[in-house]
Amino acid sequence: MYTDIERLLSLSKKGDTKAKEQLLSNLEPLVLSSIRRYYYRPHLYEDLIQEGYEVVLDSIEEYDPDRKVYFLGFVKLRLKYHYLNKHKEKQTISLNQTIGDDGMELVDILQDDGPDPLERAIQIEESQVLKEAINFLTPRQKEVVVAYYVEGLTLGEIAEKLGIAYRTVVNTKTMAIERMKKTIVK
């Protein structure tokens, strides 16, 4: 068998298409066993066989007998790594693919708990407007607004933290809000 394959390989390298066909026929069991062993997907079987034939044909062209490696071993390794690498390929699944017997599609069971794209765009725009409005505040007003709305401190805690009167914190916050409203309305 090895001598027959070596003979067919030699003829195939010279361009004999009949020899290539015979070599593919002789190596079909190797292709099939490689599929079963390394990447068994029954629904892709025909495509996987064709890919295996391509690997064999490429191997004919790339095989170098001077490397002291048998052709069958060379082809076997190339098939093995070809099918193992198929696992790395991205598998795409349609959202319209039916699942189960009731005809329900995959898209029907997906749910998104987050805001829809329009709501998200509005949130982003609003936060950007607020950031711009905060830039028009005095340093003390920024400090009070951030402490109250971002850090969640009470007005009394802010007064204590800054070492100022409670009423000053209330007035500073009120003036900051008014200034921000004027900036946003422009």
N, C-alpha and C. Protein backbone atom coordinates (compact mmCIF):
# COMPACT_ATOMS: atom_id res chain seq x y z
N MET A 1 0.82 -1.19 0.00
CA MET A 1 0.00 0.00 0.00
C MET A 1 0.86 1.25 0.00
N TYR A 2 1.93 1.28 0.83
CA TYR A 2 2.79 2.47 0.88
C TYR A 2 3.47 2.73 -0.45
N THR A 3 3.90 1.66 -1.10
CA THR A 3 4.56 1.84 -2.40
C THR A 3 3.57 2.37 -3.43
N ASP A 4 2.32 1.91 -3.35
CA ASP A 4 1.29 2.41 -4.26
C ASP A 4 1.04 3.90 -4.03
N ILE A 5 0.99 4.30 -2.76
CA ILE A 5 0.76 5.71 -2.44
C ILE A 5 1.95 6.55 -2.87
N GLU A 6 3.15 6.05 -2.66
CA GLU A 6 4.36 6.78 -3.08
C GLU A 6 4.37 6.94 -4.62
N ARG A 7 3.94 5.89 -5.31
CA ARG A 7 3.89 5.96 -6.77
C ARG A 7 2.86 7.00 -7.21
N LEU A 8 1.66 6.95 -6.59
CA LEU A 8 0.62 7.92 -6.95
C LEU A 8 1.04 9.35 -6.58
N LEU A 9 1.75 9.49 -5.49
CA LEU A 9 2.25 10.81 -5.09
C LEU A 9 3.23 11.35 -6.12
N SER A 10 4.12 10.50 -6.56
CA SER A 10 5.11 10.91 -7.55
C SER A 10 4.43 11.35 -8.85
N LEU A 11 3.44 10.57 -9.28
CA LEU A 11 2.70 10.94 -10.50
C LEU A 11 1.89 12.23 -10.29
N SER A 12 1.30 12.38 -9.09
CA SER A 12 0.49 13.56 -8.80
C SER A 12 1.33 14.81 -8.79
N LYS A 13 2.54 14.73 -8.27
CA LYS A 13 3.44 15.88 -8.25
C LYS A 13 3.82 16.31 -9.66
N LYS A 14 3.76 15.36 -10.60
CA LYS A 14 4.07 15.66 -11.99
C LYS A 14 2.85 16.20 -12.74
N GLY A 15 1.68 16.24 -12.06
CA GLY A 15 0.49 16.81 -12.67
C GLY A 15 -0.52 15.80 -13.20
N ASP A 16 -0.34 14.54 -12.91
CA ASP A 16 -1.26 13.50 -13.37
C ASP A 16 -2.55 13.57 -12.55
N THR A 17 -3.66 14.03 -13.18
CA THR A 17 -4.93 14.19 -12.46
C THR A 17 -5.54 12.85 -12.09
N LYS A 18 -5.37 11.87 -12.90
CA LYS A 18 -5.90 10.53 -12.58
C LYS A 18 -5.22 9.99 -11.32
N ALA A 19 -3.93 10.24 -11.19
CA ALA A 19 -3.19 9.79 -10.01
C ALA A 19 -3.68 10.54 -8.76
N LYS A 20 -3.97 11.84 -8.92
CA LYS A 20 -4.51 12.62 -7.80
C LYS A 20 -5.86 12.08 -7.36
N GLU A 21 -6.70 11.76 -8.36
CA GLU A 21 -8.02 11.21 -8.03
C GLU A 21 -7.88 9.87 -7.30
N GLN A 22 -6.99 9.02 -7.77
CA GLN A 22 -6.77 7.73 -7.14
C GLN A 22 -6.20 7.89 -5.73
N LEU A 23 -5.30 8.86 -5.56
CA LEU A 23 -4.71 9.12 -4.25
C LEU A 23 -5.79 9.62 -3.28
N LEU A 24 -6.66 10.51 -3.76
CA LEU A 24 -7.77 10.99 -2.92
C LEU A 24 -8.68 9.83 -2.53
N SER A 25 -8.94 8.96 -3.46
CA SER A 25 -9.78 7.79 -3.20
C SER A 25 -9.14 6.88 -2.15
N ASN A 26 -7.83 6.66 -2.28
CA ASN A 26 -7.12 5.81 -1.33
C ASN A 26 -7.05 6.43 0.07
N LEU A 27 -7.02 7.78 0.13
CA LEU A 27 -6.88 8.46 1.42
C LEU A 27 -8.23 8.87 2.02
N GLU A 28 -9.31 8.53 1.33
CA GLU A 28 -10.64 8.87 1.87
C GLU A 28 -10.87 8.30 3.27
N PRO A 29 -10.52 7.05 3.55
CA PRO A 29 -10.71 6.55 4.92
C PRO A 29 -9.94 7.37 5.98
N LEU A 30 -8.76 7.85 5.62
CA LEU A 30 -7.99 8.69 6.53
C LEU A 30 -8.71 10.01 6.79
N VAL A 31 -9.28 10.60 5.74
CA VAL A 31 -10.03 11.85 5.88
C VAL A 31 -11.25 11.62 6.78
N LEU A 32 -11.98 10.55 6.53
CA LEU A 32 -13.18 10.26 7.31
C LEU A 32 -12.85 9.99 8.78
N SER A 33 -11.79 9.24 9.03
CA SER A 33 -11.44 8.96 10.43
C SER A 33 -10.95 10.22 11.13
N SER A 34 -10.29 11.11 10.40
CA SER A 34 -9.84 12.38 10.99
C SER A 34 -11.03 13.25 11.36
N ILE A 35 -12.05 13.25 10.53
CA ILE A 35 -13.27 14.03 10.83
C ILE A 35 -13.92 13.47 12.09
N ARG A 36 -14.10 12.15 12.11
CA ARG A 36 -14.76 11.53 13.28
C ARG A 36 -13.96 11.76 14.56
N ARG A 37 -12.67 11.74 14.47
CA ARG A 37 -11.84 11.85 15.66
C ARG A 37 -11.67 13.29 16.14
N TYR A 38 -11.53 14.25 15.23
CA TYR A 38 -11.13 15.59 15.64
C TYR A 38 -12.21 16.67 15.50
N TYR A 39 -13.19 16.46 14.66
CA TYR A 39 -14.21 17.50 14.47
C TYR A 39 -15.48 16.89 13.91
N TYR A 40 -16.16 16.13 14.71
CA TYR A 40 -17.34 15.42 14.23
C TYR A 40 -18.56 16.32 14.32
N ARG A 41 -19.06 16.75 13.17
CA ARG A 41 -20.29 17.54 13.08
C ARG A 41 -21.10 16.94 11.92
N PRO A 42 -22.04 16.05 12.23
CA PRO A 42 -22.76 15.34 11.18
C PRO A 42 -23.43 16.25 10.15
N HIS A 43 -23.93 17.39 10.58
CA HIS A 43 -24.61 18.29 9.65
C HIS A 43 -23.63 18.97 8.69
N LEU A 44 -22.34 18.92 8.97
CA LEU A 44 -21.33 19.52 8.09
C LEU A 44 -20.49 18.47 7.37
N TYR A 45 -20.91 17.23 7.43
CA TYR A 45 -20.09 16.12 6.98
C TYR A 45 -19.56 16.29 5.56
N GLU A 46 -20.43 16.64 4.63
CA GLU A 46 -20.00 16.78 3.23
C GLU A 46 -18.96 17.89 3.08
N ASP A 47 -19.18 19.01 3.75
CA ASP A 47 -18.22 20.11 3.68
C ASP A 47 -16.88 19.71 4.29
N LEU A 48 -16.94 18.99 5.39
CA LEU A 48 -15.71 18.56 6.06
C LEU A 48 -14.91 17.59 5.19
N ILE A 49 -15.60 16.75 4.47
CA ILE A 49 -14.92 15.83 3.55
C ILE A 49 -14.22 16.62 2.45
N GLN A 50 -14.91 17.59 1.90
CA GLN A 50 -14.30 18.42 0.84
C GLN A 50 -13.08 19.17 1.36
N GLU A 51 -13.19 19.68 2.58
CA GLU A 51 -12.04 20.37 3.18
C GLU A 51 -10.88 19.40 3.36
N GLY A 52 -11.19 18.17 3.75
CA GLY A 52 -10.14 17.16 3.90
C GLY A 52 -9.45 16.87 2.58
N TYR A 53 -10.24 16.80 1.51
CA TYR A 53 -9.64 16.60 0.18
C TYR A 53 -8.73 17.77 -0.18
N GLU A 54 -9.15 18.98 0.17
CA GLU A 54 -8.30 20.15 -0.11
C GLU A 54 -6.98 20.05 0.66
N VAL A 55 -7.06 19.58 1.89
CA VAL A 55 -5.84 19.42 2.70
C VAL A 55 -4.92 18.39 2.04
N VAL A 56 -5.50 17.30 1.55
CA VAL A 56 -4.70 16.27 0.89
C VAL A 56 -4.05 16.85 -0.37
N LEU A 57 -4.82 17.59 -1.17
CA LEU A 57 -4.27 18.17 -2.40
C LEU A 57 -3.17 19.19 -2.09
N ASP A 58 -3.36 20.00 -1.05
CA ASP A 58 -2.32 20.93 -0.64
C ASP A 58 -1.08 20.18 -0.16
N SER A 59 -1.32 19.08 0.53
CA SER A 59 -0.21 18.27 1.05
C SER A 59 0.62 17.69 -0.08
N ILE A 60 -0.03 17.32 -1.17
CA ILE A 60 0.69 16.79 -2.33
C ILE A 60 1.68 17.84 -2.83
N GLU A 61 1.21 19.09 -2.91
CA GLU A 61 2.06 20.17 -3.42
C GLU A 61 3.18 20.52 -2.43
N GLU A 62 2.89 20.48 -1.14
CA GLU A 62 3.85 20.93 -0.13
C GLU A 62 4.77 19.84 0.39
N TYR A 63 4.48 18.60 0.08
CA TYR A 63 5.27 17.50 0.62
C TYR A 63 6.69 17.54 0.06
N ASP A 64 7.64 17.39 0.97
CA ASP A 64 9.05 17.37 0.58
C ASP A 64 9.67 16.06 1.08
N PRO A 65 9.94 15.13 0.17
CA PRO A 65 10.48 13.83 0.59
C PRO A 65 11.88 13.94 1.20
N ASP A 66 12.58 15.05 0.97
CA ASP A 66 13.93 15.23 1.52
C ASP A 66 13.91 15.39 3.04
N ARG A 67 12.75 15.64 3.61
CA ARG A 67 12.65 15.82 5.07
C ARG A 67 12.57 14.48 5.81
N LYS A 68 12.62 13.41 5.08
CA LYS A 68 12.62 12.06 5.66
C LYS A 68 11.37 11.78 6.49
N VAL A 69 10.23 12.24 5.99
CA VAL A 69 8.93 12.01 6.63
C VAL A 69 8.07 11.28 5.62
N TYR A 70 7.34 10.27 6.08
CA TYR A 70 6.45 9.55 5.17
C TYR A 70 5.26 10.46 4.81
N PHE A 71 4.82 10.32 3.57
CA PHE A 71 3.72 11.14 3.09
C PHE A 71 2.45 10.92 3.91
N LEU A 72 2.16 9.67 4.25
CA LEU A 72 0.96 9.38 5.03
C LEU A 72 1.00 10.07 6.40
N GLY A 73 2.13 10.06 7.04
CA GLY A 73 2.27 10.74 8.34
C GLY A 73 2.10 12.23 8.19
N PHE A 74 2.64 12.78 7.09
CA PHE A 74 2.51 14.21 6.80
C PHE A 74 1.05 14.60 6.62
N VAL A 75 0.33 13.82 5.82
CA VAL A 75 -1.08 14.10 5.55
C VAL A 75 -1.91 13.92 6.82
N LYS A 76 -1.61 12.87 7.57
CA LYS A 76 -2.37 12.60 8.79
C LYS A 76 -2.26 13.77 9.77
N LEU A 77 -1.07 14.30 9.97
CA LEU A 77 -0.89 15.44 10.87
C LEU A 77 -1.57 16.70 10.34
N ARG A 78 -1.49 16.92 9.05
CA ARG A 78 -2.13 18.11 8.47
C ARG A 78 -3.64 18.03 8.63
N LEU A 79 -4.22 16.84 8.43
CA LEU A 79 -5.66 16.66 8.62
C LEU A 79 -6.03 16.87 10.10
N LYS A 80 -5.23 16.30 10.97
CA LYS A 80 -5.50 16.43 12.41
C LYS A 80 -5.55 17.90 12.80
N TYR A 81 -4.54 18.67 12.44
CA TYR A 81 -4.50 20.07 12.85
C TYR A 81 -5.53 20.92 12.12
N HIS A 82 -5.86 20.53 10.91
CA HIS A 82 -6.93 21.26 10.19
C HIS A 82 -8.24 21.14 10.95
N TYR A 83 -8.60 19.91 11.31
CA TYR A 83 -9.89 19.71 12.00
C TYR A 83 -9.85 20.21 13.45
N LEU A 84 -8.72 20.12 14.11
CA LEU A 84 -8.63 20.68 15.46
C LEU A 84 -8.77 22.19 15.43
N ASN A 85 -8.21 22.82 14.41
CA ASN A 85 -8.31 24.28 14.29
C ASN A 85 -9.72 24.74 13.95
N LYS A 86 -10.53 23.85 13.45
CA LYS A 86 -11.92 24.20 13.15
C LYS A 86 -12.66 24.59 14.43
N HIS A 87 -12.23 24.06 15.57
CA HIS A 87 -12.87 24.40 16.84
C HIS A 87 -12.65 25.87 17.19
N LYS A 88 -11.59 26.46 16.67
CA LYS A 88 -11.29 27.85 16.95
C LYS A 88 -12.13 28.81 16.12
N GLU A 89 -12.70 28.31 15.05
CA GLU A 89 -13.50 29.18 14.18
C GLU A 89 -14.76 29.60 14.91
N LYS A 90 -15.19 30.80 14.62
CA LYS A 90 -16.41 31.29 15.25
C LYS A 90 -17.61 30.57 14.67
N GLN A 91 -18.47 30.16 15.56
CA GLN A 91 -19.72 29.54 15.14
C GLN A 91 -20.81 30.61 15.19
N THR A 92 -21.42 30.87 14.07
CA THR A 92 -22.48 31.87 14.04
C THR A 92 -23.83 31.16 14.04
N ILE A 93 -24.70 31.68 14.86
CA ILE A 93 -26.04 31.11 14.96
C ILE A 93 -27.02 32.23 14.67
N SER A 94 -27.98 31.94 13.87
CA SER A 94 -29.01 32.93 13.54
C SER A 94 -29.97 33.07 14.71
N LEU A 95 -30.37 34.29 14.99
CA LEU A 95 -31.37 34.52 16.03
C LEU A 95 -32.74 34.01 15.59
N ASN A 96 -32.89 33.75 14.31
CA ASN A 96 -34.15 33.22 13.79
C ASN A 96 -34.16 31.70 13.76
N GLN A 97 -33.12 31.08 14.29
CA GLN A 97 -33.05 29.63 14.34
C GLN A 97 -34.13 29.11 15.28
N THR A 98 -34.89 28.13 14.80
CA THR A 98 -35.96 27.57 15.65
C THR A 98 -35.35 26.64 16.68
N ILE A 99 -35.94 26.68 17.87
CA ILE A 99 -35.50 25.80 18.95
C ILE A 99 -36.73 25.11 19.51
N GLY A 100 -36.57 23.89 19.84
CA GLY A 100 -37.69 23.12 20.39
C GLY A 100 -38.67 22.71 19.30
N ASP A 101 -39.72 22.03 19.74
CA ASP A 101 -40.71 21.52 18.80
C ASP A 101 -41.84 22.50 18.53
N ASP A 102 -41.97 23.54 19.36
CA ASP A 102 -43.08 24.47 19.20
C ASP A 102 -42.80 25.56 18.17
N GLY A 103 -41.64 25.55 17.53
CA GLY A 103 -41.32 26.52 16.49
C GLY A 103 -40.86 27.86 17.02
N MET A 104 -40.57 27.96 18.31
CA MET A 104 -40.10 29.21 18.88
C MET A 104 -38.69 29.50 18.38
N GLU A 105 -38.42 30.77 18.12
CA GLU A 105 -37.10 31.16 17.65
C GLU A 105 -36.24 31.61 18.82
N LEU A 106 -34.94 31.58 18.62
CA LEU A 106 -33.99 31.97 19.64
C LEU A 106 -34.22 33.41 20.09
N VAL A 107 -34.56 34.27 19.16
CA VAL A 107 -34.78 35.68 19.48
C VAL A 107 -35.96 35.86 20.45
N ASP A 108 -36.89 34.92 20.45
CA ASP A 108 -38.06 35.02 21.32
C ASP A 108 -37.71 34.83 22.79
N ILE A 109 -36.64 34.10 23.08
CA ILE A 109 -36.32 33.85 24.48
C ILE A 109 -35.28 34.83 25.03
N LEU A 110 -34.71 35.65 24.15
CA LEU A 110 -33.74 36.64 24.61
C LEU A 110 -34.47 37.83 25.22
N GLN A 111 -33.92 38.34 26.30
CA GLN A 111 -34.50 39.54 26.88
C GLN A 111 -33.38 40.45 27.33
N ASP A 112 -33.67 41.74 27.29
CA ASP A 112 -32.70 42.74 27.67
C ASP A 112 -33.29 43.56 28.80
N ASP A 113 -32.66 43.53 29.95
CA ASP A 113 -33.17 44.26 31.10
C ASP A 113 -32.65 45.69 31.13
N GLY A 114 -31.69 46.01 30.30
CA GLY A 114 -31.11 47.35 30.29
C GLY A 114 -31.98 48.32 29.51
N PRO A 115 -31.59 49.57 29.53
CA PRO A 115 -32.37 50.57 28.79
C PRO A 115 -32.26 50.33 27.29
N ASP A 116 -33.32 50.72 26.59
CA ASP A 116 -33.24 50.56 25.14
C ASP A 116 -32.27 51.60 24.59
N PRO A 117 -31.84 51.46 23.35
CA PRO A 117 -30.81 52.36 22.81
C PRO A 117 -31.19 53.84 22.89
N LEU A 118 -32.46 54.16 22.67
CA LEU A 118 -32.88 55.56 22.72
C LEU A 118 -32.75 56.09 24.15
N GLU A 119 -33.20 55.31 25.13
CA GLU A 119 -33.07 55.73 26.53
C GLU A 119 -31.60 55.91 26.90
N ARG A 120 -30.76 55.00 26.45
CA ARG A 120 -29.32 55.08 26.75
C ARG A 120 -28.72 56.34 26.14
N ALA A 121 -29.09 56.66 24.92
CA ALA A 121 -28.58 57.86 24.26
C ALA A 121 -29.02 59.11 25.02
N ILE A 122 -30.25 59.11 25.48
CA ILE A 122 -30.76 60.25 26.25
C ILE A 122 -30.00 60.38 27.57
N GLN A 123 -29.74 59.25 28.24
CA GLN A 123 -28.98 59.28 29.50
C GLN A 123 -27.58 59.84 29.28
N ILE A 124 -26.94 59.43 28.22
CA ILE A 124 -25.59 59.91 27.93
C ILE A 124 -25.61 61.41 27.67
N GLU A 125 -26.58 61.85 26.87
CA GLU A 125 -26.68 63.27 26.56
C GLU A 125 -26.97 64.08 27.82
N GLU A 126 -27.87 63.59 28.66
CA GLU A 126 -28.19 64.30 29.90
C GLU A 126 -26.98 64.40 30.81
N SER A 127 -26.23 63.31 30.95
CA SER A 127 -25.06 63.35 31.83
C SER A 127 -24.01 64.31 31.28
N GLN A 128 -23.89 64.41 29.97
CA GLN A 128 -22.94 65.32 29.37
C GLN A 128 -23.36 66.77 29.62
N VAL A 129 -24.66 67.04 29.52
CA VAL A 129 -25.18 68.39 29.79
C VAL A 129 -24.92 68.75 31.24
N LEU A 130 -25.15 67.78 32.15
CA LEU A 130 -24.91 68.04 33.57
C LEU A 130 -23.44 68.31 33.85
N LYS A 131 -22.56 67.55 33.23
CA LYS A 131 -21.13 67.77 33.44
C LYS A 131 -20.72 69.16 32.97
N GLU A 132 -21.25 69.60 31.83
CA GLU A 132 -20.94 70.93 31.34
C GLU A 132 -21.49 72.00 32.28
N ALA A 133 -22.68 71.76 32.82
CA ALA A 133 -23.29 72.73 33.73
C ALA A 133 -22.50 72.82 35.03
N ILE A 134 -21.99 71.70 35.51
CA ILE A 134 -21.19 71.70 36.74
C ILE A 134 -19.92 72.51 36.57
N ASN A 135 -19.38 72.55 35.36
CA ASN A 135 -18.16 73.32 35.11
C ASN A 135 -18.35 74.82 35.30
N PHE A 136 -19.60 75.31 35.28
CA PHE A 136 -19.87 76.73 35.46
C PHE A 136 -20.05 77.10 36.95
N LEU A 137 -19.97 76.14 37.83
CA LEU A 137 -20.12 76.40 39.26
C LEU A 137 -18.80 76.87 39.88
N THR A 138 -18.94 77.56 40.99
CA THR A 138 -17.74 77.94 41.74
C THR A 138 -17.19 76.68 42.40
N PRO A 139 -15.94 76.71 42.84
CA PRO A 139 -15.38 75.52 43.50
C PRO A 139 -16.20 75.08 44.71
N ARG A 140 -16.68 76.01 45.53
CA ARG A 140 -17.46 75.67 46.72
C ARG A 140 -18.79 75.04 46.30
N GLN A 141 -19.44 75.60 45.25
CA GLN A 141 -20.71 75.06 44.78
C GLN A 141 -20.52 73.64 44.23
N LYS A 142 -19.44 73.43 43.49
CA LYS A 142 -19.14 72.08 42.99
C LYS A 142 -18.98 71.11 44.14
N GLU A 143 -18.25 71.54 45.16
CA GLU A 143 -17.98 70.69 46.30
C GLU A 143 -19.28 70.27 46.99
N VAL A 144 -20.20 71.22 47.16
CA VAL A 144 -21.48 70.94 47.83
C VAL A 144 -22.34 70.03 46.96
N VAL A 145 -22.44 70.32 45.67
CA VAL A 145 -23.28 69.52 44.76
C VAL A 145 -22.76 68.09 44.67
N VAL A 146 -21.46 67.92 44.52
CA VAL A 146 -20.88 66.57 44.43
C VAL A 146 -21.09 65.82 45.74
N ALA A 147 -20.87 66.49 46.86
CA ALA A 147 -21.04 65.83 48.15
C ALA A 147 -22.50 65.40 48.35
N TYR A 148 -23.43 66.24 47.92
CA TYR A 148 -24.86 65.94 48.14
C TYR A 148 -25.38 64.89 47.15
N TYR A 149 -25.12 65.10 45.85
CA TYR A 149 -25.73 64.22 44.83
C TYR A 149 -24.89 62.99 44.49
N VAL A 150 -23.58 63.09 44.56
CA VAL A 150 -22.73 61.97 44.18
C VAL A 150 -22.36 61.12 45.40
N GLU A 151 -21.88 61.80 46.46
CA GLU A 151 -21.45 61.07 47.65
C GLU A 151 -22.62 60.70 48.55
N GLY A 152 -23.76 61.36 48.36
CA GLY A 152 -24.96 61.04 49.14
C GLY A 152 -24.94 61.55 50.57
N LEU A 153 -24.16 62.59 50.83
CA LEU A 153 -24.11 63.15 52.18
C LEU A 153 -25.33 64.04 52.43
N THR A 154 -25.73 64.13 53.67
CA THR A 154 -26.82 65.05 54.02
C THR A 154 -26.25 66.46 54.12
N LEU A 155 -27.15 67.44 54.14
CA LEU A 155 -26.70 68.83 54.23
C LEU A 155 -25.94 69.06 55.54
N GLY A 156 -26.41 68.44 56.61
CA GLY A 156 -25.72 68.57 57.89
C GLY A 156 -24.32 67.97 57.84
N GLU A 157 -24.16 66.82 57.19
CA GLU A 157 -22.85 66.19 57.08
C GLU A 157 -21.91 67.04 56.23
N ILE A 158 -22.46 67.66 55.19
CA ILE A 158 -21.65 68.53 54.34
C ILE A 158 -21.16 69.73 55.14
N ALA A 159 -22.07 70.32 55.93
CA ALA A 159 -21.70 71.48 56.75
C ALA A 159 -20.58 71.10 57.71
N GLU A 160 -20.70 69.94 58.32
CA GLU A 160 -19.68 69.49 59.26
C GLU A 160 -18.36 69.22 58.55
N LYS A 161 -18.44 68.57 57.38
CA LYS A 161 -17.23 68.22 56.61
C LYS A 161 -16.48 69.48 56.17
N LEU A 162 -17.23 70.49 55.72
CA LEU A 162 -16.60 71.71 55.21
C LEU A 162 -16.33 72.74 56.31
N GLY A 163 -16.90 72.52 57.48
CA GLY A 163 -16.68 73.44 58.59
C GLY A 163 -17.40 74.77 58.39
N ILE A 164 -18.60 74.69 57.79
CA ILE A 164 -19.42 75.90 57.57
C ILE A 164 -20.80 75.67 58.16
N ALA A 165 -21.58 76.75 58.22
CA ALA A 165 -22.91 76.67 58.80
C ALA A 165 -23.85 75.89 57.90
N TYR A 166 -24.84 75.25 58.52
CA TYR A 166 -25.85 74.48 57.79
C TYR A 166 -26.55 75.37 56.78
N ARG A 167 -26.93 76.58 57.21
CA ARG A 167 -27.66 77.50 56.33
C ARG A 167 -26.81 77.89 55.13
N THR A 168 -25.50 78.00 55.30
CA THR A 168 -24.59 78.33 54.18
C THR A 168 -24.60 77.20 53.16
N VAL A 169 -24.63 75.95 53.63
CA VAL A 169 -24.68 74.80 52.72
C VAL A 169 -25.98 74.81 51.93
N VAL A 170 -27.11 75.12 52.63
CA VAL A 170 -28.41 75.17 51.95
C VAL A 170 -28.39 76.25 50.88
N ASN A 171 -27.91 77.43 51.21
CA ASN A 171 -27.87 78.54 50.25
C ASN A 171 -26.92 78.23 49.08
N THR A 172 -25.77 77.62 49.38
CA THR A 172 -24.80 77.29 48.32
C THR A 172 -25.39 76.27 47.35
N LYS A 173 -26.06 75.27 47.91
CA LYS A 173 -26.69 74.25 47.05
C LYS A 173 -27.78 74.87 46.21
N THR A 174 -28.63 75.72 46.80
CA THR A 174 -29.72 76.36 46.07
C THR A 174 -29.18 77.23 44.94
N MET A 175 -28.14 78.02 45.23
CA MET A 175 -27.55 78.89 44.19
C MET A 175 -26.90 78.05 43.09
N ALA A 176 -26.27 76.94 43.47
CA ALA A 176 -25.65 76.06 42.48
C ALA A 176 -26.69 75.47 41.53
N ILE A 177 -27.80 75.03 42.09
CA ILE A 177 -28.87 74.45 41.27
C ILE A 177 -29.43 75.52 40.33
N GLU A 178 -29.65 76.71 40.81
CA GLU A 178 -30.16 77.80 39.97
C GLU A 178 -29.19 78.11 38.83
N ARG A 179 -27.91 78.17 39.16
CA ARG A 179 -26.90 78.47 38.14
C ARG A 179 -26.87 77.36 37.08
N MET A 180 -26.98 76.10 37.53
CA MET A 180 -26.99 74.97 36.59
C MET A 180 -28.22 75.02 35.70
N LYS A 181 -29.37 75.39 36.27
CA LYS A 181 -30.60 75.47 35.45
C LYS A 181 -30.44 76.52 34.37
N LYS A 182 -29.87 77.67 34.74
CA LYS A 182 -29.66 78.75 33.75
C LYS A 182 -28.72 78.30 32.64
N THR A 183 -27.70 77.56 33.02
CA THR A 183 -26.72 77.08 32.03
C THR A 183 -27.34 76.07 31.08
N ILE A 184 -28.18 75.20 31.63
CA ILE A 184 -28.80 74.16 30.80
C ILE A 184 -29.86 74.74 29.89
N VAL A 185 -30.61 75.74 30.33
CA VAL A 185 -31.71 76.32 29.54
C VAL A 185 -31.20 77.12 28.35
N LYS A 186 -29.99 77.65 28.43
CA LYS A 186 -29.45 78.50 27.35
C LYS A 186 -29.67 77.94 26.00
